[in-house]
Protein backbone atom coordinates (compact mmCIF):
# COMPACT_ATOMS: atom_id res chain seq x y z
CA UNK A 1 116.09 103.26 142.46
CA UNK A 2 116.19 106.96 141.79
CA UNK A 3 113.65 108.72 139.39
CA UNK A 4 114.45 108.52 135.75
CA UNK A 5 116.58 111.37 134.33
CA UNK A 6 114.68 113.97 132.28
CA UNK A 7 115.24 113.54 128.63
CA UNK A 8 117.34 116.23 127.07
CA UNK A 9 114.69 117.14 124.45
CA UNK A 10 112.33 117.81 127.35
CA UNK A 11 114.96 119.63 129.36
CA UNK A 12 115.76 121.99 126.48
CA UNK A 13 112.23 122.57 125.29
CA UNK A 14 111.75 126.34 124.62
CA UNK A 15 110.33 128.35 127.48
CA UNK A 16 110.22 131.72 125.74
CA UNK A 17 110.26 133.00 122.16
CA UNK A 18 114.02 133.47 122.10
CA UNK A 19 114.53 129.76 122.73
CA UNK A 20 112.83 128.66 119.51
CA UNK A 21 115.34 127.45 116.96
CA UNK A 22 114.86 127.64 113.15
CA UNK A 23 111.30 128.94 112.99
CA UNK A 24 111.81 132.74 113.04
CA UNK A 25 109.10 133.29 110.38
CA UNK A 26 106.48 131.74 112.68
CA UNK A 27 107.71 133.23 115.99
CA UNK A 28 107.83 136.78 114.49
CA UNK A 29 104.24 136.59 113.30
CA UNK A 30 102.90 135.23 116.54
CA UNK A 31 104.84 137.68 118.71
CA UNK A 32 103.51 140.59 116.74
CA UNK A 33 99.99 139.25 117.01
CA UNK A 34 100.26 139.06 120.82
CA UNK A 35 101.88 142.47 121.10
CA UNK A 36 99.10 144.10 118.95
CA UNK A 37 96.43 142.19 120.92
CA UNK A 38 95.23 140.55 117.67
CA UNK A 39 95.24 136.88 118.56
CA UNK A 40 93.02 134.71 116.43
CA UNK A 41 90.60 132.08 117.76
CA UNK A 42 92.05 129.13 115.69
CA UNK A 43 95.58 128.31 114.49
CA UNK A 44 96.95 125.40 112.53
CA UNK A 45 100.68 124.54 112.88
CA UNK A 46 101.84 122.10 110.29
CA UNK A 47 105.26 120.59 109.40
CA UNK A 48 107.61 117.68 109.93
CA UNK A 49 107.79 116.08 113.33
CA UNK A 50 110.25 117.46 115.96
CA UNK A 51 110.33 120.96 114.48
CA UNK A 52 108.64 122.71 117.40
CA UNK A 53 104.95 122.71 116.67
CA UNK A 54 103.76 121.64 120.11
CA UNK A 55 106.45 123.71 121.88
CA UNK A 56 105.45 126.89 120.04
CA UNK A 57 101.79 126.11 120.67
CA UNK A 58 102.52 126.02 124.45
CA UNK A 59 104.49 129.24 124.10
CA UNK A 60 101.52 130.92 122.43
CA UNK A 61 99.27 129.59 125.18
CA UNK A 62 101.70 131.12 127.70
CA UNK A 63 101.64 134.46 125.89
CA UNK A 64 97.85 134.50 125.68
CA UNK A 65 97.29 133.77 129.32
CA UNK A 66 100.32 135.71 130.72
CA UNK A 67 99.31 138.50 133.09
CA UNK A 68 102.17 140.93 132.30
CA UNK A 69 100.54 144.24 131.46
CA UNK A 70 103.12 144.97 128.73
CA UNK A 71 101.84 142.82 125.79
CA UNK A 72 105.20 142.95 124.06
CA UNK A 73 106.86 141.19 127.07
CA UNK A 74 104.54 138.23 127.01
CA UNK A 75 105.23 135.54 127.97
CA UNK A 76 107.37 136.86 130.79
CA UNK A 77 107.87 133.29 132.25
CA UNK A 78 107.59 134.79 135.80
CA UNK A 79 103.87 135.27 136.42
CA UNK A 80 101.73 132.64 138.16
CA UNK A 81 100.05 131.53 134.87
CA UNK A 82 103.38 131.11 132.99
CA UNK A 83 104.89 129.15 135.81
CA UNK A 84 101.84 126.96 136.00
CA UNK A 85 102.05 126.16 132.27
CA UNK A 86 105.73 125.32 132.63
CA UNK A 87 105.12 122.82 135.36
CA UNK A 88 101.98 121.38 133.79
CA UNK A 89 99.39 122.44 136.37
CA UNK A 90 97.54 125.19 134.42
CA UNK A 91 93.90 124.10 134.19
CA UNK A 92 93.00 126.40 131.37
CA UNK A 93 95.49 124.82 128.97
CA UNK A 94 93.94 121.62 127.65
CA UNK A 95 96.12 119.36 125.46
CA UNK A 96 94.37 116.64 123.46
CA UNK A 97 96.15 113.80 121.52
CA UNK A 98 93.93 113.35 118.50
CA UNK A 99 95.75 110.02 117.73
CA UNK A 100 93.98 108.44 120.71
CA UNK A 101 90.84 110.55 120.81
CA UNK A 102 89.61 110.23 117.24
CA UNK A 103 85.91 109.66 117.57
CA UNK A 104 83.05 112.07 117.22
CA UNK A 105 82.16 111.32 120.83
CA UNK A 106 85.47 112.75 121.99
CA UNK A 107 84.94 116.02 120.08
CA UNK A 108 81.34 116.24 121.32
CA UNK A 109 82.60 115.89 124.92
CA UNK A 110 85.01 118.78 124.26
CA UNK A 111 82.17 120.93 122.84
CA UNK A 112 80.08 120.16 125.98
CA UNK A 113 82.80 121.39 128.30
CA UNK A 114 83.98 124.33 126.18
CA UNK A 115 81.37 126.66 127.37
CA UNK A 116 82.59 126.64 130.91
CA UNK A 117 84.36 129.80 131.86
CA UNK A 118 88.17 129.80 132.41
CA UNK A 119 89.47 129.10 135.90
CA UNK A 120 92.11 131.86 135.55
CA UNK A 121 92.27 134.81 133.36
CA UNK A 122 90.22 135.38 130.24
CA UNK A 123 90.97 132.43 128.00
CA UNK A 124 90.95 128.65 127.67
CA UNK A 125 93.49 127.28 125.15
CA UNK A 126 93.00 123.94 123.45
CA UNK A 127 95.91 122.28 121.77
CA UNK A 128 94.92 119.33 119.62
CA UNK A 129 98.02 117.37 118.52
CA UNK A 130 98.05 115.17 115.38
CA UNK A 131 94.69 116.56 114.49
CA UNK A 132 94.71 114.80 111.07
CA UNK A 133 93.91 111.58 112.98
CA UNK A 134 90.33 112.68 113.71
CA UNK A 135 87.55 110.87 111.94
CA UNK A 136 85.44 112.57 109.35
CA UNK A 137 82.56 112.83 111.79
CA UNK A 138 84.84 114.20 114.45
CA UNK A 139 86.12 116.91 112.00
CA UNK A 140 82.50 117.81 111.26
CA UNK A 141 81.75 118.24 114.92
CA UNK A 142 84.95 120.22 115.46
CA UNK A 143 84.00 122.44 112.51
CA UNK A 144 80.81 123.66 114.20
CA UNK A 145 82.91 124.80 117.22
CA UNK A 146 85.53 126.52 115.01
CA UNK A 147 82.72 128.37 113.17
CA UNK A 148 81.27 129.87 116.26
CA UNK A 149 83.58 129.41 119.31
CA UNK A 150 82.79 131.01 122.64
CA UNK A 151 84.87 134.21 123.09
CA UNK A 152 87.11 132.64 125.76
CA UNK A 153 88.12 129.61 123.61
CA UNK A 154 91.32 129.57 121.45
CA UNK A 155 92.20 126.46 119.42
CA UNK A 156 95.77 125.54 118.27
CA UNK A 157 95.77 122.49 115.99
CA UNK A 158 99.05 120.71 115.17
CA UNK A 159 99.64 118.15 112.40
CA UNK A 160 102.41 116.53 110.37
CA UNK A 161 100.03 115.86 107.47
CA UNK A 162 98.17 119.05 106.53
CA UNK A 163 96.85 117.44 103.30
CA UNK A 164 94.57 115.25 105.44
CA UNK A 165 92.85 118.28 107.02
CA UNK A 166 89.41 119.08 105.44
CA UNK A 167 89.35 122.30 103.47
CA UNK A 168 86.49 123.62 105.64
CA UNK A 169 88.71 123.34 108.72
CA UNK A 170 91.70 124.92 106.97
CA UNK A 171 89.72 127.89 105.94
CA UNK A 172 88.89 128.77 109.56
CA UNK A 173 92.40 128.59 110.92
CA UNK A 174 95.45 130.86 110.65
CA UNK A 175 98.05 128.55 109.17
CA UNK A 176 101.74 128.47 110.01
CA UNK A 177 104.11 126.09 108.26
CA UNK A 178 107.05 124.82 110.24
CA UNK A 179 110.20 123.92 108.36
CA UNK A 180 112.95 121.35 108.85
CA UNK A 181 115.93 122.87 110.52
CA UNK A 182 119.09 123.62 108.51
CA UNK A 183 122.03 121.50 109.41
CA UNK A 184 124.08 124.42 110.66
CA UNK A 185 121.38 125.58 113.09
CA UNK A 186 120.95 122.07 114.40
CA UNK A 187 124.69 121.60 115.01
CA UNK A 188 124.87 124.97 116.76
CA UNK A 189 122.02 123.99 119.12
CA UNK A 190 123.74 120.68 119.75
CA UNK A 191 126.99 122.43 120.56
CA UNK A 192 125.21 124.58 123.10
CA UNK A 193 123.51 121.58 124.75
CA UNK A 194 126.90 119.65 124.81
CA UNK A 195 128.54 122.62 126.47
CA UNK A 196 125.71 122.91 129.07
CA UNK A 197 125.79 119.19 129.76
CA UNK A 198 129.56 119.12 130.13
CA UNK A 199 130.12 116.83 127.18
CA UNK A 200 133.11 117.29 124.78
CA UNK A 201 132.05 116.55 121.23
CA UNK A 202 133.78 116.57 117.90
CA UNK A 203 131.93 118.87 115.46
CA UNK A 204 131.91 116.13 112.74
CA UNK A 205 130.12 113.77 115.20
CA UNK A 206 127.50 116.43 115.86
CA UNK A 207 127.17 116.97 112.11
CA UNK A 208 126.45 113.24 111.66
CA UNK A 209 123.88 113.36 114.48
CA UNK A 210 122.24 116.36 112.83
CA UNK A 211 122.14 114.57 109.42
CA UNK A 212 120.59 111.60 111.01
CA UNK A 213 117.92 113.88 112.57
CA UNK A 214 116.91 114.96 109.05
CA UNK A 215 115.89 118.44 110.11
CA UNK A 216 114.01 117.39 113.23
CA UNK A 217 115.67 119.15 116.22
CA UNK A 218 113.91 116.86 118.67
CA UNK A 219 115.21 113.71 116.92
CA UNK A 220 118.74 115.17 116.82
CA UNK A 221 118.69 115.97 120.54
CA UNK A 222 117.38 112.49 121.31
CA UNK A 223 120.21 110.93 119.33
CA UNK A 224 122.76 113.11 121.10
CA UNK A 225 121.13 112.09 124.45
CA UNK A 226 121.65 108.41 123.40
CA UNK A 227 125.42 108.92 122.53
CA UNK A 228 126.60 111.49 125.03
CA UNK A 229 128.41 110.46 128.21
CA UNK A 230 129.51 113.26 130.60
CA UNK A 231 133.28 113.31 131.00
CA UNK A 232 133.90 111.36 127.81
CA UNK A 233 134.53 112.86 124.34
CA UNK A 234 131.91 112.18 121.70
CA UNK A 235 133.85 111.11 118.53
CA UNK A 236 132.81 110.46 114.99
CA UNK A 237 133.79 106.79 114.92
CA UNK A 238 131.74 106.10 118.03
CA UNK A 239 128.72 107.90 116.63
CA UNK A 240 129.00 105.92 113.37
CA UNK A 241 129.29 102.62 115.30
CA UNK A 242 126.25 103.29 117.55
CA UNK A 243 124.02 104.78 114.98
CA UNK A 244 124.92 102.05 112.40
CA UNK A 245 125.48 104.81 109.74
CA UNK A 246 128.92 103.80 108.53
CA UNK A 247 128.68 102.24 105.11
CA UNK A 248 129.11 98.57 106.06
CA UNK A 249 130.86 95.99 103.96
CA UNK A 250 127.47 94.53 103.20
CA UNK A 251 126.12 97.74 101.73
CA UNK A 252 129.23 98.34 99.69
CA UNK A 253 129.15 94.72 98.55
CA UNK A 254 125.60 95.11 97.29
CA UNK A 255 126.65 98.11 95.18
CA UNK A 256 129.77 96.21 93.93
CA UNK A 257 127.34 93.44 92.83
CA UNK A 258 125.37 96.04 90.92
CA UNK A 259 128.52 97.18 89.19
CA UNK A 260 129.41 93.67 88.30
CA UNK A 261 125.85 92.74 87.30
CA UNK A 262 126.12 89.80 89.72
CA UNK A 263 122.68 89.32 91.15
CA UNK A 264 123.70 86.18 93.05
CA UNK A 265 126.44 88.06 94.83
CA UNK A 266 124.13 90.95 95.77
CA UNK A 267 121.36 88.72 97.02
CA UNK A 268 123.92 86.82 99.11
CA UNK A 269 125.13 90.08 100.65
CA UNK A 270 121.55 91.03 101.60
CA UNK A 271 120.80 87.59 103.04
CA UNK A 272 123.99 87.50 105.03
CA UNK A 273 123.27 90.99 106.55
CA UNK A 274 119.73 90.01 107.53
CA UNK A 275 120.96 86.67 108.93
CA UNK A 276 123.37 88.50 111.25
CA UNK A 277 120.63 90.63 112.72
CA UNK A 278 120.53 93.71 110.50
CA UNK A 279 117.08 95.37 110.29
CA UNK A 280 115.74 95.22 106.72
CA UNK A 281 114.39 98.71 106.76
CA UNK A 282 117.69 100.14 108.16
CA UNK A 283 119.66 98.14 105.61
CA UNK A 284 117.54 99.64 102.87
CA UNK A 285 118.15 103.10 104.31
CA UNK A 286 121.88 102.58 104.45
CA UNK A 287 121.91 101.43 100.80
CA UNK A 288 119.95 104.55 99.85
CA UNK A 289 122.36 106.81 101.82
CA UNK A 290 125.40 105.15 100.29
CA UNK A 291 123.98 105.31 96.80
CA UNK A 292 123.30 108.96 97.36
CA UNK A 293 126.92 109.40 98.26
CA UNK A 294 128.00 107.51 95.13
CA UNK A 295 125.73 109.82 93.02
CA UNK A 296 127.19 112.93 94.66
CA UNK A 297 130.79 111.67 94.15
CA UNK A 298 129.97 111.05 90.51
CA UNK A 299 128.98 114.67 90.22
CA UNK A 300 132.14 115.81 92.05
CA UNK A 301 130.20 116.96 95.12
CA UNK A 302 132.08 116.52 98.50
CA UNK A 303 130.57 113.97 100.93
CA UNK A 304 131.33 115.72 104.19
CA UNK A 305 131.84 113.51 107.24
CA UNK A 306 129.32 110.74 106.45
CA UNK A 307 131.90 108.62 104.59
CA UNK A 308 135.61 108.61 104.76
CA UNK A 309 138.76 106.56 104.16
CA UNK A 310 138.47 103.28 102.33
CA UNK A 311 134.63 103.62 102.15
CA UNK A 312 134.95 106.87 100.22
CA UNK A 313 137.51 105.45 97.88
CA UNK A 314 135.33 102.40 97.10
CA UNK A 315 132.35 104.63 96.54
CA UNK A 316 134.37 106.84 94.19
CA UNK A 317 135.21 103.76 92.12
CA UNK A 318 131.60 102.77 92.08
CA UNK A 319 130.62 106.28 91.02
CA UNK A 320 133.01 106.04 87.99
CA UNK A 321 131.63 102.71 87.02
CA UNK A 322 127.91 103.30 87.24
CA UNK A 323 125.89 105.54 85.02
CA UNK A 324 124.02 108.31 86.86
CA UNK A 325 120.65 107.14 85.49
CA UNK A 326 121.24 103.68 86.92
CA UNK A 327 122.12 105.19 90.38
CA UNK A 328 118.98 107.30 90.33
CA UNK A 329 116.80 104.39 89.41
CA UNK A 330 118.36 102.13 92.10
CA UNK A 331 117.92 104.93 94.64
CA UNK A 332 114.21 105.05 93.88
CA UNK A 333 113.84 101.26 94.03
CA UNK A 334 115.57 100.91 97.47
CA UNK A 335 113.74 104.00 98.82
CA UNK A 336 110.45 102.34 97.91
CA UNK A 337 111.73 99.12 99.43
CA UNK A 338 112.39 100.78 102.69
CA UNK A 339 108.82 101.90 102.85
CA UNK A 340 107.44 98.45 101.87
CA UNK A 341 109.45 96.45 104.38
CA UNK A 342 106.92 97.03 107.16
CA UNK A 343 104.06 95.52 105.12
CA UNK A 344 106.05 92.62 103.67
CA UNK A 345 105.61 89.11 105.24
CA UNK A 346 109.18 88.45 104.25
CA UNK A 347 111.20 91.52 105.24
CA UNK A 348 114.03 90.88 102.87
CA UNK A 349 111.91 90.40 99.85
CA UNK A 350 111.43 94.14 98.98
CA UNK A 351 115.29 94.57 99.05
CA UNK A 352 115.85 91.52 96.93
CA UNK A 353 113.21 92.60 94.34
CA UNK A 354 114.76 96.11 94.25
CA UNK A 355 118.23 94.73 93.52
CA UNK A 356 116.97 92.33 90.78
CA UNK A 357 114.87 95.06 89.16
CA UNK A 358 117.81 97.50 89.24
CA UNK A 359 119.98 95.06 87.44
CA UNK A 360 117.38 94.59 84.72
CA UNK A 361 117.66 98.32 83.84
CA UNK A 362 119.52 99.15 80.60
CA UNK A 363 122.80 101.03 80.62
CA UNK A 364 123.61 100.31 84.23
CA UNK A 365 127.32 100.78 83.67
CA UNK A 366 128.90 103.82 82.17
CA UNK A 367 129.76 103.36 78.41
CA UNK A 368 133.49 103.78 78.90
CA UNK A 369 133.58 101.08 81.55
CA UNK A 370 134.53 97.57 80.43
CA UNK A 371 131.68 95.09 80.22
CA UNK A 372 131.11 93.47 83.63
CA UNK A 373 131.99 89.82 84.15
CA UNK A 374 129.04 87.42 84.08
CA UNK A 375 127.96 86.28 87.58
CA UNK A 376 129.78 83.16 88.82
CA UNK A 377 130.96 82.01 85.41
CA UNK A 378 127.60 81.61 83.76
CA UNK A 379 127.15 82.57 80.15
CA UNK A 380 125.12 85.61 79.26
CA UNK A 381 121.57 84.75 78.07
CA UNK A 382 120.59 85.78 74.54
CA UNK A 383 118.94 89.20 74.79
CA UNK A 384 116.11 88.29 72.55
CA UNK A 385 114.97 85.23 74.49
CA UNK A 386 114.08 85.58 78.12
CA UNK A 387 111.04 85.30 80.31
CA UNK A 388 112.61 86.85 83.39
CA UNK A 389 110.81 89.81 84.89
CA UNK A 390 112.19 93.07 83.61
CA UNK A 391 111.56 96.68 84.44
CA UNK A 392 109.58 98.88 81.96
CA UNK A 393 111.83 101.30 80.16
CA UNK A 394 109.52 104.25 80.74
CA UNK A 395 108.50 105.24 84.31
CA UNK A 396 105.39 107.16 83.43
CA UNK A 397 102.07 105.26 83.02
CA UNK A 398 101.07 107.33 79.98
CA UNK A 399 104.15 106.05 78.12
CA UNK A 400 103.20 102.30 78.62
CA UNK A 401 102.95 100.57 75.29
CA UNK A 402 101.30 97.28 74.37
CA UNK A 403 103.05 94.35 76.09
CA UNK A 404 105.03 96.63 78.41
CA UNK A 405 105.02 95.91 82.09
CA UNK A 406 104.19 97.98 85.17
CA UNK A 407 107.12 99.02 87.25
CA UNK A 408 106.82 100.48 90.81
CA UNK A 409 106.40 104.01 89.59
CA UNK A 410 103.55 103.14 87.28
CA UNK A 411 101.78 101.06 89.84
CA UNK A 412 102.15 103.78 92.44
CA UNK A 413 100.59 106.30 90.09
CA UNK A 414 97.62 104.07 89.42
CA UNK A 415 97.13 103.50 93.23
CA UNK A 416 97.38 107.18 93.88
CA UNK A 417 94.69 107.96 91.29
CA UNK A 418 92.48 105.18 92.73
CA UNK A 419 92.92 106.61 96.25
CA UNK A 420 91.63 109.98 95.00
CA UNK A 421 88.55 108.30 93.57
CA UNK A 422 87.67 105.72 96.22
CA UNK A 423 89.34 104.41 99.39
CA UNK A 424 87.89 100.90 98.95
CA UNK A 425 89.27 100.67 95.42
CA UNK A 426 92.70 101.80 96.65
CA UNK A 427 92.58 99.12 99.45
CA UNK A 428 91.82 96.38 96.81
CA UNK A 429 94.79 97.47 94.68
CA UNK A 430 97.01 97.34 97.67
CA UNK A 431 96.04 93.67 98.05
CA UNK A 432 97.11 92.77 94.53
CA UNK A 433 99.81 90.09 94.61
CA UNK A 434 100.84 90.24 90.93
CA UNK A 435 100.18 92.57 87.98
CA UNK A 436 101.21 92.73 84.35
CA UNK A 437 100.07 94.30 81.13
CA UNK A 438 99.45 92.46 77.94
CA UNK A 439 98.49 94.64 74.99
CA UNK A 440 95.18 96.31 76.12
CA UNK A 441 94.62 94.02 79.00
CA UNK A 442 95.70 94.56 82.69
CA UNK A 443 95.94 91.20 84.60
CA UNK A 444 95.64 91.46 88.43
CA UNK A 445 96.42 88.51 90.70
CA UNK A 446 94.78 88.14 94.10
CA UNK A 447 95.52 85.75 96.95
CA UNK A 448 91.90 84.82 97.75
CA UNK A 449 88.55 84.42 96.01
CA UNK A 450 87.02 87.00 98.34
CA UNK A 451 89.38 89.76 97.13
CA UNK A 452 89.08 88.71 93.44
CA UNK A 453 85.30 88.71 93.75
CA UNK A 454 85.28 92.16 95.32
CA UNK A 455 87.52 93.61 92.64
CA UNK A 456 85.18 92.05 89.92
CA UNK A 457 82.15 93.86 91.28
CA UNK A 458 80.74 96.19 88.56
CA UNK A 459 81.13 99.44 90.57
CA UNK A 460 84.84 98.65 91.33
CA UNK A 461 85.66 97.62 87.77
CA UNK A 462 83.95 100.80 86.45
CA UNK A 463 86.10 102.98 88.79
CA UNK A 464 89.24 101.07 87.89
CA UNK A 465 88.53 101.48 84.14
CA UNK A 466 88.27 105.26 84.71
CA UNK A 467 91.53 105.30 86.68
CA UNK A 468 93.36 103.29 83.95
CA UNK A 469 92.05 105.52 81.25
CA UNK A 470 93.20 108.49 83.12
CA UNK A 471 96.63 106.98 83.68
CA UNK A 472 97.27 105.45 80.25
CA UNK A 473 95.11 107.73 78.06
CA UNK A 474 93.50 104.65 76.60
CA UNK A 475 90.85 102.10 77.52
CA UNK A 476 92.19 98.87 79.10
CA UNK A 477 90.43 95.58 79.85
CA UNK A 478 90.86 94.28 83.41
CA UNK A 479 91.18 90.49 84.08
CA UNK A 480 91.48 89.14 87.66
CA UNK A 481 92.92 85.74 88.61
CA UNK A 482 93.98 83.78 91.64
CA UNK A 483 97.75 84.24 92.36
CA UNK A 484 98.47 81.02 94.30
CA UNK A 485 100.83 78.05 94.03
CA UNK A 486 98.88 76.41 91.18
CA UNK A 487 100.77 76.33 87.95
CA UNK A 488 97.56 76.83 85.99
CA UNK A 489 97.06 80.19 87.73
CA UNK A 490 100.48 81.63 86.73
CA UNK A 491 100.53 84.00 83.66
CA UNK A 492 100.41 82.25 80.37
CA UNK A 493 103.85 81.43 78.88
CA UNK A 494 105.62 81.28 82.20
CA UNK A 495 107.45 78.06 82.94
CA UNK A 496 105.89 76.66 86.18
CA UNK A 497 109.16 74.95 87.22
CA UNK A 498 111.33 78.02 86.75
CA UNK A 499 112.80 80.38 89.29
CA UNK A 500 110.33 83.16 88.49
CA UNK A 501 107.38 80.92 89.14
CA UNK A 502 108.99 79.85 92.42
CA UNK A 503 109.36 83.53 93.33
CA UNK A 504 105.75 84.25 92.64
CA UNK A 505 104.68 81.43 95.00
CA UNK A 506 106.87 82.88 97.71
CA UNK A 507 105.17 86.17 97.52
CA UNK A 508 107.07 87.79 94.64
CA UNK A 509 105.42 90.11 92.21
CA UNK A 510 105.81 90.12 88.45
CA UNK A 511 106.20 93.66 87.23
CA UNK A 512 106.61 92.78 83.53
CA UNK A 513 106.23 89.44 81.50
CA UNK A 514 107.07 88.74 78.02
CA UNK A 515 105.55 85.60 76.37
CA UNK A 516 108.45 83.48 75.19
CA UNK A 517 108.86 79.78 74.78
CA UNK A 518 112.31 79.62 76.35
CA UNK A 519 112.88 78.30 79.76
CA UNK A 520 113.09 81.02 82.48
CA UNK A 521 116.15 79.38 84.04
């Protein structure tokens, strides 16, 4: 068997400044620094994945170690050092993956070796990728080196999460922010690659690939590499089929169910899609993409090439039927569901909960639209008597009133505040199985006695009280209970034989509960 073909994203990795796409603000600054012989000892490149951080770091390393006497022409890509960097044999360029070298011992080993003189030229360049993965102790050890580096050492740190870098490290680096690439620049680069590779490609297919790349040139090139076949034309319908981006009947059916307020039909659509092999996270993303299209159509914004034909016509009808506020709320719910799928023991559950919560929102249908038919012939329940979970009307925690529930936005806000105060407290809140607010009391359900006991420790309760007071602008009592299959451990007033109780036992989460005496069926 012959050796594997070089991936296109590696084949078209920039070799000189002119090859860098979409980061002119970074390239200009670095080129000027090299030409003026004013290179710093530490740089931090931050930004989304696939936008060129590591490639530009290597280019800077080439420019620093290039032997061309004309500084403005560095890197010249012809000298011995430049060629060695290009083929990966330059010993004075050390690349470290912080994701797999996170410990303080790894950084100490680097510090021990850093004092050795370069093998070639005047500098050793250290590129530390995903630097945010370093432990706190490792960052402290690195800080000492950044404060007083040997004159021959230059550090280039790269990260996708700059907010995780300690301020002490940030203050010692020259920072450069990489941006997502505009659609047009990505498509232009894909057209160039297609021409070089002998692939005929429709522009609308390349636009779809670029949109799927979400501003990451590397991801876009990888998708093109997956779809392109030399000698065959790359068409939009083929790209949609392979990438799974066409709004499927299942996705449109879910939104139709939202229009009709038919939860059973929507849940059936989700179940059928998952049963046929659809990935839950990808399904959630498709629903989000399609809802975004519906929202844009409702605001008379063209969709481009993402949707066409019958799909676009159905989406237009959905846009005319749904209120914009309902679409926005449903977008948020399914966007959160896409993020939660990985952690859910039942992958479809976050999608099902998002659909049900979206249908509980008021004013889902535009006022001028006729009232939707009740699902499967059932009579509408009296609005004043229900124990089914419902979403809080206000998304902000500070607006929560007595008896009002905690929706996803409120709970996320509380967890964010807890994370800022204490990591252990945030971890405990992540393990909460059920939560609801009753007057001035927050009830938290845990799956085990161990987690419940940890939450009830005085230090944790004190911190949580502070967080809640910050979020709600009032003092709340916290009560913990076991969230298991026992009827006695369900919230008071909830029928243990009803569908809501059954959902809780299967891992569902109550976001609001109103004490009523009516049956929840």
